[in-house]
Amino acid sequence: MGSFSIWHLLIVLVVVLVLFGGGGKLSKIMGDLGAGIKDFKKNIKDGSKDDANINVAKSEEKPRETIVDRS
C-alpha cells in the first residue's frame, strides 16, 4: 500500500510528458516509440532468416593460423 506500482509510475510519466512536452511533442514521441517497436518486431522476424545466413558465412571462413611461441 505504501509503494508505487507500475501504473502509478506510468500515470506520472504521462502527466510530466504532457506538462513539459506539450501536445505536439507528445504525439511525436509516441509516434517515434511506435515506429521503434514496429522496426524492432520486423528485425526480430527477419533476424531468424539472417541468422541462418550468418552461420553459413561463418562456416566458410578460413581457419586462423596459430602462432607458436618457441622461446
N, C-alpha and C. Protein backbone atom coordinates (compact mmCIF):
# COMPACT_ATOMS: atom_id res chain seq x y z
N MET A 1 0.81 -1.19 0.00
CA MET A 1 0.00 0.00 0.00
C MET A 1 0.86 1.26 0.00
N GLY A 2 2.07 1.16 0.55
CA GLY A 2 2.93 2.33 0.61
C GLY A 2 3.84 2.47 -0.60
N SER A 3 3.88 1.46 -1.47
CA SER A 3 4.80 1.53 -2.61
C SER A 3 4.04 1.89 -3.88
N PHE A 4 4.79 2.38 -4.86
CA PHE A 4 4.20 2.73 -6.14
C PHE A 4 4.17 1.50 -7.04
N SER A 5 3.09 1.34 -7.77
CA SER A 5 3.02 0.26 -8.76
C SER A 5 3.45 0.82 -10.11
N ILE A 6 3.52 -0.04 -11.09
CA ILE A 6 3.90 0.39 -12.44
C ILE A 6 2.87 1.36 -13.00
N TRP A 7 1.62 1.20 -12.63
CA TRP A 7 0.56 2.09 -13.13
C TRP A 7 0.73 3.50 -12.59
N HIS A 8 1.13 3.63 -11.31
CA HIS A 8 1.38 4.96 -10.75
C HIS A 8 2.50 5.65 -11.53
N LEU A 9 3.57 4.91 -11.79
CA LEU A 9 4.71 5.49 -12.49
C LEU A 9 4.35 5.88 -13.92
N LEU A 10 3.54 5.07 -14.59
CA LEU A 10 3.13 5.40 -15.96
C LEU A 10 2.26 6.65 -16.00
N ILE A 11 1.36 6.77 -15.04
CA ILE A 11 0.50 7.96 -14.99
C ILE A 11 1.33 9.21 -14.74
N VAL A 12 2.27 9.12 -13.82
CA VAL A 12 3.15 10.27 -13.53
C VAL A 12 3.97 10.62 -14.77
N LEU A 13 4.47 9.62 -15.48
CA LEU A 13 5.25 9.86 -16.69
C LEU A 13 4.42 10.56 -17.75
N VAL A 14 3.18 10.13 -17.95
CA VAL A 14 2.31 10.77 -18.93
C VAL A 14 2.03 12.22 -18.55
N VAL A 15 1.77 12.47 -17.29
CA VAL A 15 1.50 13.85 -16.83
C VAL A 15 2.72 14.73 -17.06
N VAL A 16 3.90 14.23 -16.73
CA VAL A 16 5.13 15.01 -16.92
C VAL A 16 5.36 15.29 -18.40
N LEU A 17 5.13 14.28 -19.25
CA LEU A 17 5.30 14.49 -20.69
C LEU A 17 4.33 15.52 -21.23
N VAL A 18 3.11 15.50 -20.77
CA VAL A 18 2.11 16.47 -21.24
C VAL A 18 2.47 17.88 -20.76
N LEU A 19 2.89 18.00 -19.51
CA LEU A 19 3.22 19.32 -18.97
C LEU A 19 4.45 19.93 -19.63
N PHE A 20 5.52 19.14 -19.76
CA PHE A 20 6.77 19.69 -20.26
C PHE A 20 6.96 19.51 -21.76
N GLY A 21 6.26 18.56 -22.35
CA GLY A 21 6.46 18.28 -23.76
C GLY A 21 5.45 18.96 -24.65
N GLY A 22 4.30 19.25 -24.14
CA GLY A 22 3.25 19.84 -24.97
C GLY A 22 2.55 18.79 -25.80
N GLY A 23 1.46 19.16 -26.42
CA GLY A 23 0.66 18.22 -27.20
C GLY A 23 1.35 17.71 -28.44
N GLY A 24 1.97 18.60 -29.20
CA GLY A 24 2.62 18.20 -30.44
C GLY A 24 3.83 17.31 -30.19
N LYS A 25 4.59 17.64 -29.16
CA LYS A 25 5.79 16.85 -28.85
C LYS A 25 5.40 15.47 -28.34
N LEU A 26 4.32 15.40 -27.58
CA LEU A 26 3.89 14.11 -27.05
C LEU A 26 3.49 13.17 -28.18
N SER A 27 2.76 13.68 -29.15
CA SER A 27 2.35 12.82 -30.26
C SER A 27 3.56 12.38 -31.08
N LYS A 28 4.56 13.25 -31.20
CA LYS A 28 5.77 12.89 -31.93
C LYS A 28 6.55 11.82 -31.17
N ILE A 29 6.64 11.95 -29.85
CA ILE A 29 7.34 10.97 -29.03
C ILE A 29 6.65 9.61 -29.14
N MET A 30 5.32 9.61 -29.05
CA MET A 30 4.59 8.35 -29.12
C MET A 30 4.68 7.75 -30.52
N GLY A 31 4.69 8.58 -31.55
CA GLY A 31 4.86 8.09 -32.92
C GLY A 31 6.23 7.45 -33.12
N ASP A 32 7.26 8.11 -32.57
CA ASP A 32 8.61 7.55 -32.65
C ASP A 32 8.70 6.23 -31.89
N LEU A 33 8.04 6.17 -30.74
CA LEU A 33 8.03 4.93 -29.95
C LEU A 33 7.34 3.81 -30.73
N GLY A 34 6.22 4.12 -31.34
CA GLY A 34 5.50 3.13 -32.14
C GLY A 34 6.33 2.66 -33.33
N ALA A 35 7.01 3.58 -34.00
CA ALA A 35 7.86 3.21 -35.14
C ALA A 35 9.03 2.35 -34.67
N GLY A 36 9.56 2.67 -33.51
CA GLY A 36 10.65 1.87 -32.97
C GLY A 36 10.22 0.45 -32.65
N ILE A 37 9.04 0.31 -32.06
CA ILE A 37 8.52 -1.02 -31.74
C ILE A 37 8.25 -1.80 -33.02
N LYS A 38 7.69 -1.12 -34.03
CA LYS A 38 7.41 -1.78 -35.31
C LYS A 38 8.70 -2.26 -35.97
N ASP A 39 9.74 -1.42 -35.98
CA ASP A 39 11.02 -1.82 -36.54
C ASP A 39 11.65 -2.96 -35.76
N PHE A 40 11.52 -2.92 -34.45
CA PHE A 40 12.06 -3.98 -33.60
C PHE A 40 11.41 -5.32 -33.95
N LYS A 41 10.08 -5.32 -34.05
CA LYS A 41 9.38 -6.56 -34.39
C LYS A 41 9.78 -7.05 -35.78
N LYS A 42 9.93 -6.14 -36.73
CA LYS A 42 10.34 -6.52 -38.08
C LYS A 42 11.74 -7.13 -38.07
N ASN A 43 12.65 -6.52 -37.33
CA ASN A 43 14.02 -7.03 -37.28
C ASN A 43 14.09 -8.37 -36.55
N ILE A 44 13.25 -8.57 -35.55
CA ILE A 44 13.21 -9.86 -34.87
C ILE A 44 12.75 -10.94 -35.84
N LYS A 45 11.72 -10.63 -36.64
CA LYS A 45 11.21 -11.57 -37.62
C LYS A 45 12.27 -11.88 -38.68
N ASP A 46 12.91 -10.84 -39.20
CA ASP A 46 13.94 -11.01 -40.22
C ASP A 46 15.23 -11.57 -39.64
N GLY A 47 15.44 -11.42 -38.37
CA GLY A 47 16.67 -11.88 -37.73
C GLY A 47 16.84 -13.38 -37.80
N SER A 48 15.75 -14.11 -37.70
CA SER A 48 15.86 -15.57 -37.76
C SER A 48 16.33 -16.01 -39.14
N LYS A 49 15.93 -15.30 -40.18
CA LYS A 49 16.40 -15.62 -41.52
C LYS A 49 17.86 -15.24 -41.68
N ASP A 50 18.25 -14.09 -41.13
CA ASP A 50 19.63 -13.63 -41.23
C ASP A 50 20.58 -14.52 -40.44
N ASP A 51 20.12 -15.08 -39.32
CA ASP A 51 20.97 -15.95 -38.51
C ASP A 51 21.41 -17.17 -39.30
N ALA A 52 20.54 -17.71 -40.13
CA ALA A 52 20.90 -18.87 -40.95
C ALA A 52 21.99 -18.49 -41.94
N ASN A 53 21.89 -17.29 -42.52
CA ASN A 53 22.90 -16.83 -43.47
C ASN A 53 24.23 -16.56 -42.78
N ILE A 54 24.20 -16.06 -41.57
CA ILE A 54 25.42 -15.77 -40.83
C ILE A 54 26.14 -17.07 -40.49
N ASN A 55 25.40 -18.09 -40.09
CA ASN A 55 26.02 -19.38 -39.75
C ASN A 55 26.69 -19.99 -40.98
N VAL A 56 26.09 -19.86 -42.15
CA VAL A 56 26.70 -20.38 -43.37
C VAL A 56 27.96 -19.60 -43.68
N ALA A 57 27.92 -18.29 -43.54
CA ALA A 57 29.09 -17.47 -43.83
C ALA A 57 30.24 -17.79 -42.87
N LYS A 58 29.94 -18.02 -41.60
CA LYS A 58 30.99 -18.33 -40.64
C LYS A 58 31.64 -19.68 -40.94
N SER A 59 30.86 -20.64 -41.42
CA SER A 59 31.43 -21.95 -41.71
C SER A 59 32.34 -21.90 -42.93
N GLU A 60 32.18 -20.90 -43.78
CA GLU A 60 33.00 -20.78 -44.98
C GLU A 60 34.29 -20.00 -44.73
N GLU A 61 34.46 -19.42 -43.55
CA GLU A 61 35.67 -18.67 -43.24
C GLU A 61 36.85 -19.60 -43.13
N LYS A 62 38.04 -19.07 -43.49
CA LYS A 62 39.26 -19.85 -43.35
C LYS A 62 39.66 -19.88 -41.88
N PRO A 63 40.22 -21.00 -41.43
CA PRO A 63 40.68 -21.03 -40.04
C PRO A 63 41.89 -20.13 -39.86
N ARG A 64 42.01 -19.54 -38.71
CA ARG A 64 43.13 -18.65 -38.42
C ARG A 64 44.37 -19.47 -38.12
N GLU A 65 45.51 -18.89 -38.47
CA GLU A 65 46.76 -19.55 -38.17
C GLU A 65 47.09 -19.33 -36.69
N THR A 66 47.66 -20.33 -36.08
CA THR A 66 48.06 -20.19 -34.69
C THR A 66 49.54 -19.88 -34.65
N ILE A 67 49.90 -19.00 -33.77
CA ILE A 67 51.30 -18.62 -33.60
C ILE A 67 51.84 -19.37 -32.41
N VAL A 68 52.92 -20.08 -32.62
CA VAL A 68 53.51 -20.87 -31.54
C VAL A 68 54.77 -20.14 -31.08
N ASP A 69 54.83 -19.89 -29.80
CA ASP A 69 55.99 -19.23 -29.21
C ASP A 69 57.02 -20.28 -28.85
N ARG A 70 58.15 -20.26 -29.55
CA ARG A 70 59.19 -21.26 -29.33
C ARG A 70 60.41 -20.64 -28.68
N SER A 71 60.21 -20.00 -27.56
CA SER A 71 61.34 -19.39 -26.89
C SER A 71 61.91 -20.24 -25.80
